[in-house]
């Protein structure tokens, strides 16, 4: 069976210690039905508050940036915030 992920990613275990595990995990991803802007902001705020207390927040963010995770809140950042961070990181490289 081919997973399409590097073996080091498959062997990572930081997620087992993540504060987002359990019933509150739904806060970290948008619902299948559309949500109002206010609802999204409230959901994201609650998720980020959980991230702030998480002992593996940095590992989570590093993972999401490394694999270019397109969905959800990872390491305390939304999809848009991660895209912006990656663009800022890659900008100096593109000028070199």
N, C-alpha and C. Protein backbone atom coordinates (compact mmCIF):
# COMPACT_ATOMS: atom_id res chain seq x y z
N UNK A 1 0.84 -1.18 0.00
CA UNK A 1 0.00 0.00 0.00
C UNK A 1 0.89 1.25 0.00
N UNK A 2 0.67 2.15 -0.92
CA UNK A 2 1.45 3.37 -1.03
C UNK A 2 0.64 4.53 -0.46
N UNK A 3 1.24 5.22 0.53
CA UNK A 3 0.55 6.33 1.19
C UNK A 3 0.79 7.66 0.51
N UNK A 4 1.89 7.81 -0.21
CA UNK A 4 2.20 9.07 -0.85
C UNK A 4 2.83 10.08 0.09
N UNK A 5 3.23 9.65 1.29
CA UNK A 5 3.90 10.51 2.25
C UNK A 5 5.30 9.99 2.53
N UNK A 6 6.24 10.89 2.79
CA UNK A 6 7.57 10.42 3.16
C UNK A 6 7.49 9.60 4.44
N UNK A 7 8.37 8.61 4.56
CA UNK A 7 8.35 7.70 5.70
C UNK A 7 8.51 8.44 7.02
N UNK A 8 9.31 9.51 7.07
CA UNK A 8 9.49 10.24 8.32
C UNK A 8 8.18 10.88 8.78
N UNK A 9 7.33 11.28 7.86
CA UNK A 9 6.03 11.86 8.22
C UNK A 9 5.12 10.79 8.81
N UNK A 10 5.15 9.61 8.24
CA UNK A 10 4.31 8.51 8.72
C UNK A 10 4.72 8.10 10.13
N UNK A 11 5.99 8.20 10.46
CA UNK A 11 6.50 7.77 11.77
C UNK A 11 6.34 8.82 12.87
N UNK A 12 5.94 10.02 12.54
CA UNK A 12 5.79 11.06 13.55
C UNK A 12 4.69 10.70 14.54
N UNK A 13 4.92 11.05 15.81
CA UNK A 13 3.95 10.72 16.85
C UNK A 13 3.50 11.93 17.67
N UNK A 14 3.96 13.12 17.32
CA UNK A 14 3.60 14.31 18.09
C UNK A 14 2.09 14.48 18.22
N UNK A 15 1.37 14.09 17.18
CA UNK A 15 -0.09 14.28 17.17
C UNK A 15 -0.79 13.50 18.28
N UNK A 16 -0.15 12.47 18.79
CA UNK A 16 -0.75 11.69 19.87
C UNK A 16 -0.81 12.50 21.17
N UNK A 17 -0.01 13.54 21.28
CA UNK A 17 0.02 14.40 22.47
C UNK A 17 -0.69 15.74 22.25
N UNK A 18 -1.34 15.90 21.12
CA UNK A 18 -1.97 17.17 20.76
C UNK A 18 -3.22 17.45 21.60
N UNK A 19 -3.38 18.70 21.96
CA UNK A 19 -4.54 19.13 22.76
C UNK A 19 -5.84 19.08 21.97
N UNK A 20 -5.75 19.04 20.65
CA UNK A 20 -6.96 19.07 19.82
C UNK A 20 -7.61 17.70 19.65
N UNK A 21 -6.99 16.67 20.17
CA UNK A 21 -7.58 15.33 20.05
C UNK A 21 -8.85 15.24 20.89
N UNK A 22 -9.80 14.49 20.42
CA UNK A 22 -11.03 14.30 21.19
C UNK A 22 -12.20 15.06 20.60
N UNK A 23 -13.22 15.27 21.43
CA UNK A 23 -14.47 15.85 20.93
C UNK A 23 -14.34 17.26 20.37
N UNK A 24 -13.34 18.02 20.80
CA UNK A 24 -13.19 19.38 20.30
C UNK A 24 -12.47 19.44 18.95
N UNK A 25 -12.08 18.31 18.42
CA UNK A 25 -11.37 18.27 17.13
C UNK A 25 -12.19 18.90 16.01
N UNK A 26 -13.51 18.89 16.13
CA UNK A 26 -14.36 19.45 15.09
C UNK A 26 -14.16 20.96 14.94
N UNK A 27 -13.65 21.62 15.97
CA UNK A 27 -13.42 23.06 15.89
C UNK A 27 -12.33 23.41 14.89
N UNK A 28 -11.46 22.48 14.58
CA UNK A 28 -10.28 22.77 13.78
C UNK A 28 -10.51 22.68 12.27
N UNK A 29 -11.69 22.24 11.88
CA UNK A 29 -12.02 22.10 10.46
C UNK A 29 -13.40 22.66 10.21
N UNK A 30 -13.61 23.27 9.05
CA UNK A 30 -14.94 23.82 8.75
C UNK A 30 -15.98 22.70 8.64
N UNK A 31 -17.22 23.00 8.99
CA UNK A 31 -18.27 21.99 8.86
C UNK A 31 -18.57 21.70 7.40
N UNK A 32 -19.25 20.62 7.15
CA UNK A 32 -19.56 20.25 5.77
C UNK A 32 -20.59 21.20 5.14
N UNK A 33 -21.39 21.84 5.97
CA UNK A 33 -22.35 22.83 5.48
C UNK A 33 -21.75 24.23 5.66
N UNK A 34 -22.15 25.18 4.84
CA UNK A 34 -21.61 26.54 4.97
C UNK A 34 -21.86 27.12 6.36
N UNK A 35 -20.91 27.92 6.83
CA UNK A 35 -21.08 28.60 8.11
C UNK A 35 -20.97 30.10 7.90
N UNK A 36 -21.67 30.86 8.72
CA UNK A 36 -21.60 32.31 8.62
C UNK A 36 -20.23 32.78 9.09
N UNK A 37 -19.84 33.95 8.64
CA UNK A 37 -18.53 34.52 8.99
C UNK A 37 -18.35 34.57 10.51
N UNK A 38 -19.37 35.02 11.22
CA UNK A 38 -19.28 35.12 12.68
C UNK A 38 -19.06 33.75 13.32
N UNK A 39 -19.75 32.74 12.78
CA UNK A 39 -19.59 31.38 13.30
C UNK A 39 -18.17 30.87 13.04
N UNK A 40 -17.65 31.15 11.85
CA UNK A 40 -16.29 30.72 11.51
C UNK A 40 -15.28 31.38 12.44
N UNK A 41 -15.43 32.69 12.65
CA UNK A 41 -14.50 33.41 13.53
C UNK A 41 -14.55 32.85 14.95
N UNK A 42 -15.74 32.56 15.45
CA UNK A 42 -15.89 32.02 16.80
C UNK A 42 -15.26 30.63 16.89
N UNK A 43 -15.49 29.78 15.88
CA UNK A 43 -14.91 28.43 15.86
C UNK A 43 -13.40 28.51 15.82
N UNK A 44 -12.86 29.36 14.94
CA UNK A 44 -11.42 29.49 14.81
C UNK A 44 -10.79 30.05 16.09
N UNK A 45 -11.47 30.97 16.75
CA UNK A 45 -10.97 31.55 18.00
C UNK A 45 -10.85 30.47 19.06
N UNK A 46 -11.88 29.63 19.19
CA UNK A 46 -11.85 28.54 20.18
C UNK A 46 -10.73 27.56 19.86
N UNK A 47 -10.57 27.23 18.58
CA UNK A 47 -9.51 26.30 18.18
C UNK A 47 -8.14 26.88 18.50
N UNK A 48 -7.95 28.15 18.21
CA UNK A 48 -6.65 28.79 18.47
C UNK A 48 -6.36 28.87 19.97
N UNK A 49 -7.39 29.02 20.79
CA UNK A 49 -7.20 29.03 22.24
C UNK A 49 -6.69 27.67 22.71
N UNK A 50 -7.19 26.61 22.11
CA UNK A 50 -6.72 25.26 22.43
C UNK A 50 -5.26 25.13 21.99
N UNK A 51 -4.95 25.63 20.81
CA UNK A 51 -3.57 25.57 20.29
C UNK A 51 -2.60 26.29 21.23
N UNK A 52 -3.02 27.41 21.77
CA UNK A 52 -2.13 28.19 22.64
C UNK A 52 -1.68 27.38 23.86
N UNK A 53 -2.50 26.45 24.30
CA UNK A 53 -2.19 25.63 25.47
C UNK A 53 -1.52 24.30 25.11
N UNK A 54 -1.35 24.04 23.84
CA UNK A 54 -0.87 22.74 23.38
C UNK A 54 0.66 22.64 23.44
N UNK A 55 1.14 21.53 23.96
CA UNK A 55 2.60 21.34 24.10
C UNK A 55 3.27 20.94 22.79
N UNK A 56 2.49 20.60 21.77
CA UNK A 56 3.09 20.23 20.48
C UNK A 56 2.70 21.22 19.38
N UNK A 57 2.34 22.43 19.76
CA UNK A 57 1.89 23.43 18.77
C UNK A 57 2.94 23.64 17.68
N UNK A 58 4.19 23.78 18.06
CA UNK A 58 5.25 24.03 17.07
C UNK A 58 5.42 22.84 16.12
N UNK A 59 5.38 21.62 16.67
CA UNK A 59 5.48 20.43 15.83
C UNK A 59 4.32 20.38 14.83
N UNK A 60 3.15 20.74 15.31
CA UNK A 60 1.95 20.74 14.47
C UNK A 60 2.09 21.74 13.32
N UNK A 61 2.51 22.94 13.65
CA UNK A 61 2.69 23.96 12.62
C UNK A 61 3.78 23.56 11.64
N UNK A 62 4.89 23.05 12.15
CA UNK A 62 5.98 22.60 11.27
C UNK A 62 5.48 21.54 10.29
N UNK A 63 4.69 20.60 10.80
CA UNK A 63 4.14 19.54 9.95
C UNK A 63 3.25 20.13 8.86
N UNK A 64 2.32 21.00 9.26
CA UNK A 64 1.38 21.59 8.30
C UNK A 64 2.10 22.37 7.21
N UNK A 65 3.15 23.09 7.59
CA UNK A 65 3.92 23.84 6.59
C UNK A 65 4.71 22.91 5.69
N UNK A 66 5.27 21.87 6.27
CA UNK A 66 6.09 20.94 5.49
C UNK A 66 5.29 20.18 4.44
N UNK A 67 4.07 19.77 4.81
CA UNK A 67 3.26 18.98 3.87
C UNK A 67 2.27 19.85 3.09
N UNK A 68 2.31 21.18 3.34
CA UNK A 68 1.39 22.13 2.70
C UNK A 68 -0.06 21.72 2.93
N UNK A 69 -0.39 21.48 4.20
CA UNK A 69 -1.75 21.10 4.59
C UNK A 69 -2.73 22.19 4.16
N UNK A 70 -3.70 21.85 3.31
CA UNK A 70 -4.60 22.87 2.77
C UNK A 70 -5.86 23.15 3.61
N UNK A 71 -6.11 22.35 4.65
CA UNK A 71 -7.37 22.48 5.37
C UNK A 71 -7.15 22.56 6.88
N UNK A 72 -8.01 23.32 7.53
CA UNK A 72 -8.06 23.33 8.98
C UNK A 72 -7.04 24.23 9.66
N UNK A 73 -7.16 24.25 10.98
CA UNK A 73 -6.24 25.02 11.82
C UNK A 73 -5.19 24.04 12.33
N UNK A 74 -3.95 24.38 12.06
CA UNK A 74 -2.81 23.56 12.48
C UNK A 74 -1.79 24.49 13.12
N UNK A 75 -1.33 24.13 14.30
CA UNK A 75 -0.31 24.94 14.97
C UNK A 75 -0.77 26.35 15.27
N UNK A 76 -2.06 26.55 15.38
CA UNK A 76 -2.60 27.86 15.71
C UNK A 76 -2.83 28.78 14.53
N UNK A 77 -2.63 28.28 13.31
CA UNK A 77 -2.84 29.11 12.12
C UNK A 77 -3.90 28.52 11.21
N UNK A 78 -4.69 29.38 10.60
CA UNK A 78 -5.68 28.96 9.61
C UNK A 78 -4.99 28.67 8.28
N UNK A 79 -5.76 28.17 7.34
CA UNK A 79 -5.22 27.90 6.00
C UNK A 79 -4.62 29.16 5.39
N UNK A 80 -5.37 30.26 5.47
CA UNK A 80 -4.92 31.53 4.88
C UNK A 80 -3.66 32.04 5.58
N UNK A 81 -3.61 31.91 6.89
CA UNK A 81 -2.43 32.37 7.63
C UNK A 81 -1.19 31.55 7.28
N UNK A 82 -1.38 30.25 7.08
CA UNK A 82 -0.23 29.40 6.68
C UNK A 82 0.23 29.74 5.27
N UNK A 83 -0.72 29.99 4.37
CA UNK A 83 -0.33 30.37 3.00
C UNK A 83 0.48 31.66 3.01
N UNK A 84 0.04 32.63 3.82
CA UNK A 84 0.75 33.90 3.92
C UNK A 84 2.15 33.69 4.51
N UNK A 85 2.25 32.87 5.53
CA UNK A 85 3.55 32.59 6.14
C UNK A 85 4.48 31.92 5.14
N UNK A 86 3.97 30.94 4.40
CA UNK A 86 4.80 30.27 3.39
C UNK A 86 5.23 31.24 2.30
N UNK A 87 4.36 32.14 1.91
CA UNK A 87 4.71 33.13 0.89
C UNK A 87 5.81 34.04 1.41
N UNK A 88 5.72 34.45 2.67
CA UNK A 88 6.75 35.30 3.27
C UNK A 88 8.09 34.57 3.35
N UNK A 89 8.04 33.29 3.69
CA UNK A 89 9.26 32.48 3.79
C UNK A 89 9.89 32.30 2.42
N UNK A 90 9.06 32.04 1.42
CA UNK A 90 9.57 31.74 0.07
C UNK A 90 9.98 32.98 -0.71
N UNK A 91 9.46 34.15 -0.34
CA UNK A 91 9.75 35.38 -1.08
C UNK A 91 11.25 35.67 -1.16
N UNK A 92 11.99 35.65 -0.04
CA UNK A 92 13.44 35.93 -0.15
C UNK A 92 14.17 34.89 -1.01
N UNK A 93 13.70 33.66 -0.99
CA UNK A 93 14.32 32.60 -1.79
C UNK A 93 14.13 32.85 -3.28
N UNK A 94 12.97 33.39 -3.64
CA UNK A 94 12.67 33.64 -5.04
C UNK A 94 13.50 34.81 -5.59
N UNK A 95 13.86 35.73 -4.72
CA UNK A 95 14.66 36.88 -5.17
C UNK A 95 16.13 36.52 -5.33
N UNK A 96 16.57 35.47 -4.66
CA UNK A 96 18.00 35.10 -4.70
C UNK A 96 18.40 34.52 -6.03
